[in-house]
Amino acid sequence: MLTDKEIDTRGLNCPLPILRAKKALAELVSGQTLKVVSTDPGSTRDFQAFAKQTGNELLEQETIGADYIHVLRRR
């Protein structure tokens, strides 16, 4: 999936991937997409809760090897 911005949060644990994503989303305009790459196994659940709480849309989540990929659309 093509995204407008991508951030790499590999090696960071909760809450840092969420905080970095929040900052990156603030730099985007409504409708743009953000891809977050993480190695934190808890990030799948964290990003689901983050999307629900903030109103940003969680478009996709997948696991590739040790990487957890999250794609969000800014509200």
PDB file of N, CA and C in Angstrom:
ATOM      1  N   MET A   1       0.842  -1.181   0.000  1.00  0.00           N
ATOM      2  CA  MET A   1       0.000   0.000   0.000  1.00  0.00           C
ATOM      3  C   MET A   1       0.889   1.246   0.000  1.00  0.00           C
ATOM      4  N   LEU A   2       0.613   2.163  -0.893  1.00  0.00           N
ATOM      5  CA  LEU A   2       1.343   3.433  -0.923  1.00  0.00           C
ATOM      6  C   LEU A   2       0.812   4.342   0.170  1.00  0.00           C
ATOM      7  N   THR A   3       1.718   4.982   0.887  1.00  0.00           N
ATOM      8  CA  THR A   3       1.319   5.900   1.953  1.00  0.00           C
ATOM      9  C   THR A   3       2.000   7.248   1.744  1.00  0.00           C
ATOM     10  N   ASP A   4       1.459   8.270   2.396  1.00  0.00           N
ATOM     11  CA  ASP A   4       2.018   9.612   2.271  1.00  0.00           C
ATOM     12  C   ASP A   4       3.277   9.796   3.115  1.00  0.00           C
ATOM     13  N   LYS A   5       3.357   9.060   4.213  1.00  0.00           N
ATOM     14  CA  LYS A   5       4.511   9.186   5.109  1.00  0.00           C
ATOM     15  C   LYS A   5       4.745   7.841   5.779  1.00  0.00           C
ATOM     16  N   GLU A   6       6.002   7.544   6.086  1.00  0.00           N
ATOM     17  CA  GLU A   6       6.344   6.310   6.787  1.00  0.00           C
ATOM     18  C   GLU A   6       7.312   6.629   7.918  1.00  0.00           C
ATOM     19  N   ILE A   7       7.076   6.010   9.079  1.00  0.00           N
ATOM     20  CA  ILE A   7       8.013   6.164  10.186  1.00  0.00           C
ATOM     21  C   ILE A   7       8.454   4.785  10.663  1.00  0.00           C
ATOM     22  N   ASP A   8       9.689   4.708  11.095  1.00  0.00           N
ATOM     23  CA  ASP A   8      10.285   3.465  11.578  1.00  0.00           C
ATOM     24  C   ASP A   8      10.453   3.568  13.088  1.00  0.00           C
ATOM     25  N   THR A   9       9.683   2.759  13.817  1.00  0.00           N
ATOM     26  CA  THR A   9       9.783   2.768  15.278  1.00  0.00           C
ATOM     27  C   THR A   9      10.339   1.432  15.784  1.00  0.00           C
ATOM     28  N   ARG A  10      11.081   0.736  14.934  1.00  0.00           N
ATOM     29  CA  ARG A  10      11.689  -0.547  15.343  1.00  0.00           C
ATOM     30  C   ARG A  10      12.583  -0.328  16.562  1.00  0.00           C
ATOM     31  N   GLY A  11      12.489  -1.253  17.514  1.00  0.00           N
ATOM     32  CA  GLY A  11      13.316  -1.175  18.716  1.00  0.00           C
ATOM     33  C   GLY A  11      12.701  -0.344  19.824  1.00  0.00           C
ATOM     34  N   LEU A  12      11.617   0.349  19.539  1.00  0.00           N
ATOM     35  CA  LEU A  12      10.948   1.173  20.556  1.00  0.00           C
ATOM     36  C   LEU A  12       9.752   0.414  21.118  1.00  0.00           C
ATOM     37  N   ASN A  13       9.537   0.553  22.418  1.00  0.00           N
ATOM     38  CA  ASN A  13       8.397  -0.091  23.057  1.00  0.00           C
ATOM     39  C   ASN A  13       7.372   0.946  23.476  1.00  0.00           C
ATOM     40  N   CYS A  14       6.173   0.464  23.779  1.00  0.00           N
ATOM     41  CA  CYS A  14       5.060   1.302  24.193  1.00  0.00           C
ATOM     42  C   CYS A  14       5.514   2.249  25.307  1.00  0.00           C
ATOM     43  N   PRO A  15       5.169   3.505  25.252  1.00  0.00           N
ATOM     44  CA  PRO A  15       4.237   4.151  24.323  1.00  0.00           C
ATOM     45  C   PRO A  15       4.922   4.868  23.156  1.00  0.00           C
ATOM     46  N   LEU A  16       6.212   4.678  22.967  1.00  0.00           N
ATOM     47  CA  LEU A  16       6.936   5.459  21.966  1.00  0.00           C
ATOM     48  C   LEU A  16       6.418   5.315  20.536  1.00  0.00           C
ATOM     49  N   PRO A  17       6.082   4.116  20.039  1.00  0.00           N
ATOM     50  CA  PRO A  17       5.537   4.059  18.676  1.00  0.00           C
ATOM     51  C   PRO A  17       4.263   4.888  18.505  1.00  0.00           C
ATOM     52  N   ILE A  18       3.403   4.864  19.511  1.00  0.00           N
ATOM     53  CA  ILE A  18       2.167   5.650  19.463  1.00  0.00           C
ATOM     54  C   ILE A  18       2.484   7.156  19.474  1.00  0.00           C
ATOM     55  N   LEU A  19       3.404   7.559  20.342  1.00  0.00           N
ATOM     56  CA  LEU A  19       3.758   8.983  20.427  1.00  0.00           C
ATOM     57  C   LEU A  19       4.379   9.479  19.123  1.00  0.00           C
ATOM     58  N   ARG A  20       5.231   8.668  18.515  1.00  0.00           N
ATOM     59  CA  ARG A  20       5.839   9.053  17.227  1.00  0.00           C
ATOM     60  C   ARG A  20       4.769   9.128  16.137  1.00  0.00           C
ATOM     61  N   ALA A  21       3.822   8.193  16.167  1.00  0.00           N
ATOM     62  CA  ALA A  21       2.737   8.193  15.182  1.00  0.00           C
ATOM     63  C   ALA A  21       1.854   9.420  15.355  1.00  0.00           C
ATOM     64  N   LYS A  22       1.571   9.769  16.589  1.00  0.00           N
ATOM     65  CA  LYS A  22       0.738  10.946  16.872  1.00  0.00           C
ATOM     66  C   LYS A  22       1.401  12.208  16.315  1.00  0.00           C
ATOM     67  N   LYS A  23       2.698  12.331  16.529  1.00  0.00           N
ATOM     68  CA  LYS A  23       3.445  13.484  16.021  1.00  0.00           C
ATOM     69  C   LYS A  23       3.440  13.507  14.488  1.00  0.00           C
ATOM     70  N   ALA A  24       3.659  12.351  13.878  1.00  0.00           N
ATOM     71  CA  ALA A  24       3.681  12.267  12.411  1.00  0.00           C
ATOM     72  C   ALA A  24       2.311  12.573  11.814  1.00  0.00           C
ATOM     73  N   LEU A  25       1.250  12.089  12.450  1.00  0.00           N
ATOM     74  CA  LEU A  25      -0.104  12.364  11.959  1.00  0.00           C
ATOM     75  C   LEU A  25      -0.423  13.853  12.015  1.00  0.00           C
ATOM     76  N   ALA A  26       0.103  14.529  13.025  1.00  0.00           N
ATOM     77  CA  ALA A  26      -0.136  15.970  13.169  1.00  0.00           C
ATOM     78  C   ALA A  26       0.473  16.757  12.008  1.00  0.00           C
ATOM     79  N   GLU A  27       1.480  16.184  11.347  1.00  0.00           N
ATOM     80  CA  GLU A  27       2.129  16.848  10.222  1.00  0.00           C
ATOM     81  C   GLU A  27       1.406  16.598   8.900  1.00  0.00           C
ATOM     82  N   LEU A  28       0.427  15.691   8.909  1.00  0.00           N
ATOM     83  CA  LEU A  28      -0.328  15.360   7.706  1.00  0.00           C
ATOM     84  C   LEU A  28      -1.640  16.132   7.670  1.00  0.00           C
ATOM     85  N   VAL A  29      -2.233  16.210   6.483  1.00  0.00           N
ATOM     86  CA  VAL A  29      -3.557  16.827   6.355  1.00  0.00           C
ATOM     87  C   VAL A  29      -4.600  15.718   6.348  1.00  0.00           C
ATOM     88  N   SER A  30      -5.828  16.090   6.597  1.00  0.00           N
ATOM     89  CA  SER A  30      -6.917  15.120   6.655  1.00  0.00           C
ATOM     90  C   SER A  30      -6.961  14.268   5.390  1.00  0.00           C
ATOM     91  N   GLY A  31      -7.069  12.953   5.591  1.00  0.00           N
ATOM     92  CA  GLY A  31      -7.151  12.027   4.469  1.00  0.00           C
ATOM     93  C   GLY A  31      -5.817  11.405   4.063  1.00  0.00           C
ATOM     94  N   GLN A  32      -4.708  12.004   4.503  1.00  0.00           N
ATOM     95  CA  GLN A  32      -3.407  11.429   4.163  1.00  0.00           C
ATOM     96  C   GLN A  32      -3.144  10.200   5.036  1.00  0.00           C
ATOM     97  N   THR A  33      -2.212   9.360   4.585  1.00  0.00           N
ATOM     98  CA  THR A  33      -1.965   8.094   5.274  1.00  0.00           C
ATOM     99  C   THR A  33      -0.549   8.023   5.842  1.00  0.00           C
ATOM    100  N   LEU A  34      -0.437   7.267   6.921  1.00  0.00           N
ATOM    101  CA  LEU A  34       0.825   7.080   7.627  1.00  0.00           C
ATOM    102  C   LEU A  34       1.070   5.589   7.819  1.00  0.00           C
ATOM    103  N   LYS A  35       2.279   5.151   7.491  1.00  0.00           N
ATOM    104  CA  LYS A  35       2.691   3.766   7.731  1.00  0.00           C
ATOM    105  C   LYS A  35       3.678   3.765   8.891  1.00  0.00           C
ATOM    106  N   VAL A  36       3.416   2.927   9.882  1.00  0.00           N
ATOM    107  CA  VAL A  36       4.292   2.799  11.046  1.00  0.00           C
ATOM    108  C   VAL A  36       4.842   1.375  11.070  1.00  0.00           C
ATOM    109  N   VAL A  37       6.161   1.259  11.135  1.00  0.00           N
ATOM    110  CA  VAL A  37       6.811  -0.051  11.244  1.00  0.00           C
ATOM    111  C   VAL A  37       7.343  -0.177  12.669  1.00  0.00           C
ATOM    112  N   SER A  38       6.937  -1.239  13.351  1.00  0.00           N
ATOM    113  CA  SER A  38       7.298  -1.437  14.756  1.00  0.00           C
ATOM    114  C   SER A  38       7.762  -2.872  14.981  1.00  0.00           C
ATOM    115  N   THR A  39       8.522  -3.074  16.052  1.00  0.00           N
ATOM    116  CA  THR A  39       8.888  -4.430  16.463  1.00  0.00           C
ATOM    117  C   THR A  39       8.243  -4.791  17.802  1.00  0.00           C
ATOM    118  N   ASP A  40       7.425  -3.906  18.330  1.00  0.00           N
ATOM    119  CA  ASP A  40       6.753  -4.134  19.615  1.00  0.00           C
ATOM    120  C   ASP A  40       5.506  -4.998  19.386  1.00  0.00           C
ATOM    121  N   PRO A  41       5.473  -6.225  19.927  1.00  0.00           N
ATOM    122  CA  PRO A  41       4.315  -7.099  19.723  1.00  0.00           C
ATOM    123  C   PRO A  41       3.006  -6.486  20.234  1.00  0.00           C
ATOM    124  N   GLY A  42       3.093  -5.639  21.239  1.00  0.00           N
ATOM    125  CA  GLY A  42       1.900  -4.994  21.778  1.00  0.00           C
ATOM    126  C   GLY A  42       1.370  -3.874  20.906  1.00  0.00           C
ATOM    127  N   SER A  43       2.110  -3.503  19.879  1.00  0.00           N
ATOM    128  CA  SER A  43       1.703  -2.357  19.054  1.00  0.00           C
ATOM    129  C   SER A  43       0.423  -2.637  18.277  1.00  0.00           C
ATOM    130  N   THR A  44       0.144  -3.896  17.973  1.00  0.00           N
ATOM    131  CA  THR A  44      -1.100  -4.216  17.247  1.00  0.00           C
ATOM    132  C   THR A  44      -2.302  -3.760  18.062  1.00  0.00           C
ATOM    133  N   ARG A  45      -2.338  -4.165  19.293  1.00  0.00           N
ATOM    134  CA  ARG A  45      -3.431  -3.770  20.194  1.00  0.00           C
ATOM    135  C   ARG A  45      -3.399  -2.267  20.461  1.00  0.00           C
ATOM    136  N   ASP A  46      -2.197  -1.715  20.657  1.00  0.00           N
ATOM    137  CA  ASP A  46      -2.056  -0.287  20.954  1.00  0.00           C
ATOM    138  C   ASP A  46      -2.597   0.585  19.829  1.00  0.00           C
ATOM    139  N   PHE A  47      -2.288   0.217  18.579  1.00  0.00           N
ATOM    140  CA  PHE A  47      -2.754   1.031  17.456  1.00  0.00           C
ATOM    141  C   PHE A  47      -4.254   0.896  17.233  1.00  0.00           C
ATOM    142  N   GLN A  48      -4.820  -0.252  17.561  1.00  0.00           N
ATOM    143  CA  GLN A  48      -6.277  -0.403  17.477  1.00  0.00           C
ATOM    144  C   GLN A  48      -6.959   0.545  18.464  1.00  0.00           C
ATOM    145  N   ALA A  49      -6.443   0.589  19.682  1.00  0.00           N
ATOM    146  CA  ALA A  49      -7.001   1.484  20.708  1.00  0.00           C
ATOM    147  C   ALA A  49      -6.761   2.942  20.350  1.00  0.00           C
ATOM    148  N   PHE A  50      -5.567   3.255  19.840  1.00  0.00           N
ATOM    149  CA  PHE A  50      -5.223   4.618  19.449  1.00  0.00           C
ATOM    150  C   PHE A  50      -6.182   5.134  18.376  1.00  0.00           C
ATOM    151  N   ALA A  51      -6.446   4.318  17.364  1.00  0.00           N
ATOM    152  CA  ALA A  51      -7.343   4.725  16.284  1.00  0.00           C
ATOM    153  C   ALA A  51      -8.753   4.976  16.819  1.00  0.00           C
ATOM    154  N   LYS A  52      -9.209   4.102  17.683  1.00  0.00           N
ATOM    155  CA  LYS A  52     -10.552   4.233  18.254  1.00  0.00           C
ATOM    156  C   LYS A  52     -10.675   5.511  19.089  1.00  0.00           C
ATOM    157  N   GLN A  53      -9.648   5.812  19.870  1.00  0.00           N
ATOM    158  CA  GLN A  53      -9.675   6.969  20.761  1.00  0.00           C
ATOM    159  C   GLN A  53      -9.529   8.293  20.021  1.00  0.00           C
ATOM    160  N   THR A  54      -8.771   8.296  18.923  1.00  0.00           N
ATOM    161  CA  THR A  54      -8.467   9.556  18.244  1.00  0.00           C
ATOM    162  C   THR A  54      -9.348   9.834  17.029  1.00  0.00           C
ATOM    163  N   GLY A  55     -10.047   8.812  16.543  1.00  0.00           N
ATOM    164  CA  GLY A  55     -10.884   9.000  15.361  1.00  0.00           C
ATOM    165  C   GLY A  55     -10.122   8.850  14.055  1.00  0.00           C
ATOM    166  N   ASN A  56      -8.823   8.542  14.134  1.00  0.00           N
ATOM    167  CA  ASN A  56      -8.075   8.236  12.920  1.00  0.00           C
ATOM    168  C   ASN A  56      -8.437   6.812  12.507  1.00  0.00           C
ATOM    169  N   GLU A  57      -8.438   6.565  11.183  1.00  0.00           N
ATOM    170  CA  GLU A  57      -8.855   5.259  10.689  1.00  0.00           C
ATOM    171  C   GLU A  57      -7.661   4.319  10.563  1.00  0.00           C
ATOM    172  N   LEU A  58      -7.792   3.139  11.140  1.00  0.00           N
ATOM    173  CA  LEU A  58      -6.763   2.108  11.013  1.00  0.00           C
ATOM    174  C   LEU A  58      -7.105   1.306   9.762  1.00  0.00           C
ATOM    175  N   LEU A  59      -6.324   1.515   8.696  1.00  0.00           N
ATOM    176  CA  LEU A  59      -6.625   0.908   7.403  1.00  0.00           C
ATOM    177  C   LEU A  59      -6.121  -0.518   7.285  1.00  0.00           C
ATOM    178  N   GLU A  60      -4.973  -0.795   7.882  1.00  0.00           N
ATOM    179  CA  GLU A  60      -4.342  -2.093   7.676  1.00  0.00           C
ATOM    180  C   GLU A  60      -3.363  -2.393   8.800  1.00  0.00           C
ATOM    181  N   GLN A  61      -3.284  -3.662   9.163  1.00  0.00           N
ATOM    182  CA  GLN A  61      -2.258  -4.138  10.094  1.00  0.00           C
ATOM    183  C   GLN A  61      -1.767  -5.471   9.578  1.00  0.00           C
ATOM    184  N   GLU A  62      -0.459  -5.656   9.565  1.00  0.00           N
ATOM    185  CA  GLU A  62       0.082  -6.949   9.172  1.00  0.00           C
ATOM    186  C   GLU A  62       1.406  -7.185   9.875  1.00  0.00           C
ATOM    187  N   THR A  63       1.775  -8.455   9.951  1.00  0.00           N
ATOM    188  CA  THR A  63       3.042  -8.845  10.550  1.00  0.00           C
ATOM    189  C   THR A  63       3.899  -9.474   9.461  1.00  0.00           C
ATOM    190  N   ILE A  64       5.101  -8.938   9.296  1.00  0.00           N
ATOM    191  CA  ILE A  64       6.053  -9.483   8.327  1.00  0.00           C
ATOM    192  C   ILE A  64       7.338  -9.769   9.093  1.00  0.00           C
ATOM    193  N   GLY A  65       7.601 -11.045   9.336  1.00  0.00           N
ATOM    194  CA  GLY A  65       8.762 -11.423  10.132  1.00  0.00           C
ATOM    195  C   GLY A  65       8.611 -10.863  11.542  1.00  0.00           C
ATOM    196  N   ALA A  66       9.584 -10.070  11.966  1.00  0.00           N
ATOM    197  CA  ALA A  66       9.549  -9.460  13.297  1.00  0.00           C
ATOM    198  C   ALA A  66       8.917  -8.073  13.281  1.00  0.00           C
ATOM    199  N   ASP A  67       8.478  -7.617  12.097  1.00  0.00           N
ATOM    200  CA  ASP A  67       7.918  -6.272  11.962  1.00  0.00           C
ATOM    201  C   ASP A  67       6.393  -6.279  12.006  1.00  0.00           C
ATOM    202  N   TYR A  68       5.856  -5.305  12.712  1.00  0.00           N
ATOM    203  CA  TYR A  68       4.414  -5.083  12.777  1.00  0.00           C
ATOM    204  C   TYR A  68       4.142  -3.799  12.004  1.00  0.00           C
ATOM    205  N   ILE A  69       3.320  -3.903  10.974  1.00  0.00           N
ATOM    206  CA  ILE A  69       3.046  -2.769  10.087  1.00  0.00           C
ATOM    207  C   ILE A  69       1.636  -2.255  10.381  1.00  0.00           C
ATOM    208  N   HIS A  70       1.520  -0.951  10.547  1.00  0.00           N
ATOM    209  CA  HIS A  70       0.230  -0.313  10.819  1.00  0.00           C
ATOM    210  C   HIS A  70       0.071   0.834   9.829  1.00  0.00           C
ATOM    211  N   VAL A  71      -1.095   0.917   9.207  1.00  0.00           N
ATOM    212  CA  VAL A  71      -1.377   2.005   8.277  1.00  0.00           C
ATOM    213  C   VAL A  71      -2.610   2.748   8.775  1.00  0.00           C
ATOM    214  N   LEU A  72      -2.447   4.046   8.985  1.00  0.00           N
ATOM    215  CA  LEU A  72      -3.509   4.895   9.505  1.00  0.00           C
ATOM    216  C   LEU A  72      -3.855   6.000   8.506  1.00  0.00           C
ATOM    217  N   ARG A  73      -5.123   6.402   8.500  1.00  0.00           N
ATOM    218  CA  ARG A  73      -5.544   7.567   7.725  1.00  0.00           C
ATOM    219  C   ARG A  73      -5.922   8.668   8.698  1.00  0.00           C
ATOM    220  N   ARG A  74      -5.352   9.851   8.476  1.00  0.00           N
ATOM    221  CA  ARG A  74      -5.648  10.971   9.383  1.00  0.00           C
ATOM    222  C   ARG A  74      -7.081  11.418   9.222  1.00  0.00           C
ATOM    223  N   ARG A  75      -7.705  11.675  10.329  1.00  0.00           N
ATOM    224  CA  ARG A  75      -9.106  12.130  10.323  1.00  0.00           C
ATOM    225  C   ARG A  75      -9.224  13.535   9.806  1.00  0.00           C
TER     226      ARG A  75
END
